[in-house]
N, C-alpha and C. Protein backbone atom coordinates (compact mmCIF):
# COMPACT_ATOMS: atom_id res chain seq x y z
N MET A 1 106.46 92.87 125.53
CA MET A 1 105.48 92.35 124.50
C MET A 1 104.49 93.40 124.86
N ASN A 2 103.84 93.48 123.49
CA ASN A 2 102.67 94.49 123.59
C ASN A 2 101.38 94.09 124.33
N ASP A 3 100.62 94.53 125.27
CA ASP A 3 99.78 94.32 125.79
C ASP A 3 98.41 94.10 124.83
N HIS A 4 98.64 94.71 123.87
CA HIS A 4 97.28 94.86 122.98
C HIS A 4 97.62 93.87 121.74
N ALA A 5 98.61 92.99 121.67
CA ALA A 5 98.82 92.21 120.62
C ALA A 5 97.68 91.53 120.27
N GLY A 6 97.46 91.20 118.95
CA GLY A 6 96.24 90.43 118.57
C GLY A 6 94.99 90.97 118.64
N ASP A 7 94.60 92.21 119.16
CA ASP A 7 93.40 92.92 119.09
C ASP A 7 93.50 94.08 118.05
N SER A 8 94.32 94.11 117.60
CA SER A 8 94.45 95.46 116.55
C SER A 8 93.77 95.59 115.20
N PRO A 9 92.92 96.42 115.02
CA PRO A 9 92.03 96.62 113.90
C PRO A 9 93.08 97.01 112.83
N LEU A 10 94.24 97.18 112.86
CA LEU A 10 95.14 97.32 111.62
C LEU A 10 95.06 96.30 111.00
N ASP A 11 94.96 95.25 111.69
CA ASP A 11 95.15 93.82 110.69
C ASP A 11 93.78 93.53 110.00
N GLU A 12 92.98 94.46 110.04
CA GLU A 12 91.62 94.42 109.11
C GLU A 12 91.92 95.18 108.02
N LYS A 13 91.15 95.09 106.93
CA LYS A 13 91.22 95.96 105.66
C LYS A 13 90.60 97.21 105.91
N PRO A 14 91.14 98.30 105.36
CA PRO A 14 90.54 99.64 105.85
C PRO A 14 89.08 99.64 105.55
N SER A 15 88.61 99.04 104.72
CA SER A 15 87.20 99.09 104.26
C SER A 15 86.41 98.31 105.27
N ASP A 16 86.99 97.44 105.95
CA ASP A 16 86.11 96.26 106.82
C ASP A 16 86.15 97.39 108.29
N PHE A 17 87.43 97.64 108.60
CA PHE A 17 87.47 98.85 109.71
C PHE A 17 86.62 99.73 109.60
N LEU A 18 86.33 100.48 108.68
CA LEU A 18 85.59 101.70 108.58
C LEU A 18 83.94 101.07 108.65
N ALA A 19 83.78 100.16 107.91
CA ALA A 19 82.33 99.38 107.98
C ALA A 19 81.94 99.20 109.59
N GLY A 20 82.72 98.27 110.01
CA GLY A 20 82.56 98.18 111.51
C GLY A 20 82.39 99.38 112.39
N ILE A 21 83.01 100.38 112.19
CA ILE A 21 82.98 101.66 112.75
C ILE A 21 81.27 102.19 112.68
N GLY A 22 80.97 102.06 111.16
CA GLY A 22 79.64 102.69 110.94
C GLY A 22 78.49 101.73 111.40
N ALA A 23 78.83 100.37 111.84
CA ALA A 23 77.87 99.48 112.12
C ALA A 23 77.72 99.44 113.62
N ALA A 24 78.68 99.64 113.95
CA ALA A 24 78.63 99.51 115.81
C ALA A 24 77.80 100.93 116.61
N GLY A 25 77.99 102.01 115.73
CA GLY A 25 76.87 103.19 116.21
C GLY A 25 77.36 103.43 117.80
N GLY A 26 78.32 103.47 118.09
CA GLY A 26 79.00 103.90 119.59
C GLY A 26 79.41 105.08 119.14
N ARG A 27 79.74 105.96 120.23
CA ARG A 27 80.47 107.11 120.17
C ARG A 27 81.86 107.12 119.82
N HIS A 28 82.72 106.27 120.53
CA HIS A 28 84.17 106.42 120.39
C HIS A 28 84.46 105.08 119.83
N ASP A 29 83.85 104.81 118.42
CA ASP A 29 84.33 103.43 117.84
C ASP A 29 85.52 103.43 117.10
N GLY A 30 85.86 104.43 116.69
CA GLY A 30 87.22 104.41 115.89
C GLY A 30 88.17 105.71 116.17
N GLN A 31 89.53 105.45 116.48
CA GLN A 31 90.50 106.48 116.77
C GLN A 31 91.60 106.41 115.38
N ALA A 32 92.07 107.26 114.98
CA ALA A 32 93.25 107.33 114.09
C ALA A 32 94.55 107.88 114.66
N ILE A 33 95.60 107.33 114.73
CA ILE A 33 96.89 107.93 114.69
C ILE A 33 97.68 107.99 113.52
N VAL A 34 97.98 109.17 112.81
CA VAL A 34 98.43 108.99 111.49
C VAL A 34 99.71 109.98 111.51
N PRO A 35 100.79 109.36 111.06
CA PRO A 35 102.03 110.21 111.21
C PRO A 35 101.71 111.41 109.95
N GLU A 36 102.41 112.53 110.65
CA GLU A 36 102.24 113.98 109.94
C GLU A 36 103.64 114.58 110.06
N GLY A 37 104.50 114.41 109.29
CA GLY A 37 105.75 115.34 109.34
C GLY A 37 106.56 114.72 110.47
N ASP A 38 106.80 115.54 111.57
CA ASP A 38 107.62 115.29 112.78
C ASP A 38 106.64 114.69 113.82
N HIS A 39 105.46 114.75 113.74
CA HIS A 39 104.22 114.28 114.88
C HIS A 39 103.52 113.47 114.36
N TYR A 40 102.55 113.00 115.21
CA TYR A 40 101.21 112.29 114.80
C TYR A 40 99.95 113.06 115.12
N ARG A 41 99.14 113.00 114.00
CA ARG A 41 97.86 113.56 114.16
C ARG A 41 96.64 112.39 114.90
N CYS A 42 96.13 112.56 115.83
CA CYS A 42 95.25 111.88 116.32
C CYS A 42 93.70 112.28 116.31
N TRP A 43 92.81 111.37 115.92
CA TRP A 43 91.33 112.01 116.19
C TRP A 43 90.45 110.88 116.19
N CYS A 44 89.39 110.88 116.59
CA CYS A 44 88.50 110.06 117.04
C CYS A 44 87.10 110.26 116.03
N SER A 45 86.34 109.11 115.86
CA SER A 45 85.12 109.20 115.04
C SER A 45 83.76 109.73 115.89
N CYS A 46 84.15 110.32 117.00
CA CYS A 46 82.98 110.97 117.82
C CYS A 46 83.16 112.45 117.01
N GLY A 47 84.18 112.73 116.67
CA GLY A 47 84.27 114.16 116.22
C GLY A 47 84.55 115.16 117.00
N GLU A 48 84.84 114.92 118.47
CA GLU A 48 84.88 115.86 119.32
C GLU A 48 86.49 115.79 120.03
N TRP A 49 87.19 114.99 119.38
CA TRP A 49 88.85 114.98 120.05
C TRP A 49 89.61 115.24 118.80
N LEU A 50 90.71 115.98 118.56
CA LEU A 50 91.63 116.18 118.00
C LEU A 50 92.97 116.23 118.55
N ALA A 51 93.92 115.88 118.52
CA ALA A 51 95.30 115.81 119.10
C ALA A 51 96.53 115.62 118.28
N GLU A 52 97.63 116.00 118.74
CA GLU A 52 99.09 115.85 118.10
C GLU A 52 99.56 115.07 119.04
N ALA A 53 100.56 114.28 118.68
CA ALA A 53 101.55 113.44 119.69
C ALA A 53 102.76 113.27 119.08
N PRO A 54 103.83 113.35 119.87
CA PRO A 54 105.06 113.34 119.35
C PRO A 54 105.49 112.00 118.82
N THR A 55 105.08 110.85 119.22
CA THR A 55 105.20 109.53 118.92
C THR A 55 103.96 108.86 118.71
N GLN A 56 103.91 107.51 118.10
CA GLN A 56 102.86 106.75 117.82
C GLN A 56 102.25 106.28 119.01
N GLU A 57 103.11 105.69 120.10
CA GLU A 57 102.62 105.19 121.16
C GLU A 57 102.15 106.54 122.08
N GLN A 58 102.48 107.67 122.11
CA GLN A 58 101.88 108.51 122.84
C GLN A 58 100.46 108.85 122.23
N GLY A 59 100.47 108.88 120.96
CA GLY A 59 98.91 108.99 120.19
C GLY A 59 98.29 107.98 120.91
N LEU A 60 98.70 106.56 120.82
CA LEU A 60 97.85 105.57 121.47
C LEU A 60 97.48 105.63 122.68
N HIS A 61 98.29 106.15 123.45
CA HIS A 61 97.81 106.60 124.82
C HIS A 61 96.80 107.46 125.06
N LEU A 62 97.00 108.73 124.13
CA LEU A 62 96.02 109.77 124.38
C LEU A 62 94.63 109.12 123.81
N ALA A 63 94.75 108.30 122.88
CA ALA A 63 93.28 107.70 122.22
C ALA A 63 92.74 106.93 123.45
N ARG A 64 93.70 106.14 124.37
CA ARG A 64 93.06 105.35 125.20
C ARG A 64 92.34 105.97 126.32
N VAL A 65 93.13 107.25 126.54
CA VAL A 65 92.75 107.93 127.76
C VAL A 65 91.43 108.99 127.09
N HIS A 66 91.23 109.21 125.97
CA HIS A 66 90.15 109.82 125.60
C HIS A 66 88.93 108.96 125.65
N THR A 67 89.04 107.44 125.30
CA THR A 67 87.87 106.77 125.44
C THR A 67 87.65 106.09 126.72
N GLY A 68 88.45 106.46 127.60
CA GLY A 68 88.37 106.04 128.81
C GLY A 68 88.81 104.56 129.37
N SER A 69 89.91 104.19 128.54
CA SER A 69 90.49 102.90 128.54
C SER A 69 91.47 102.80 129.42
N ALA A 70 92.06 104.07 129.62
CA ALA A 70 93.47 103.96 130.25
C ALA A 70 93.28 105.23 131.24
N PRO A 71 93.93 105.34 132.07
CA PRO A 71 94.33 106.74 133.06
C PRO A 71 95.11 107.75 132.16
N ALA A 72 94.65 108.72 132.90
CA ALA A 72 95.58 109.85 132.20
C ALA A 72 97.01 109.87 132.81
C-alpha cells in the first residue's frame, strides 16, 4: 500500500492546487512530475530544481529528496 495514500494533491482540481501553492508562500510548495516521452520531467515551484526520472516513482522520490522529506 502507498504510504502517501489520502494526502495527494492530485485529488484536487488543478486550479485549487495552484491557488494553494500561491497562497502558502513557502519555498517548496509544489512539485510536478510530468510524463515526457520515455521519462518524467520533474520540477519545483522554488524555480531552483529541475530533473528527469525514468519512472514516476523515481521522480516522486527525487522531489521528496529535494524538499528534505526523504533521505537521498
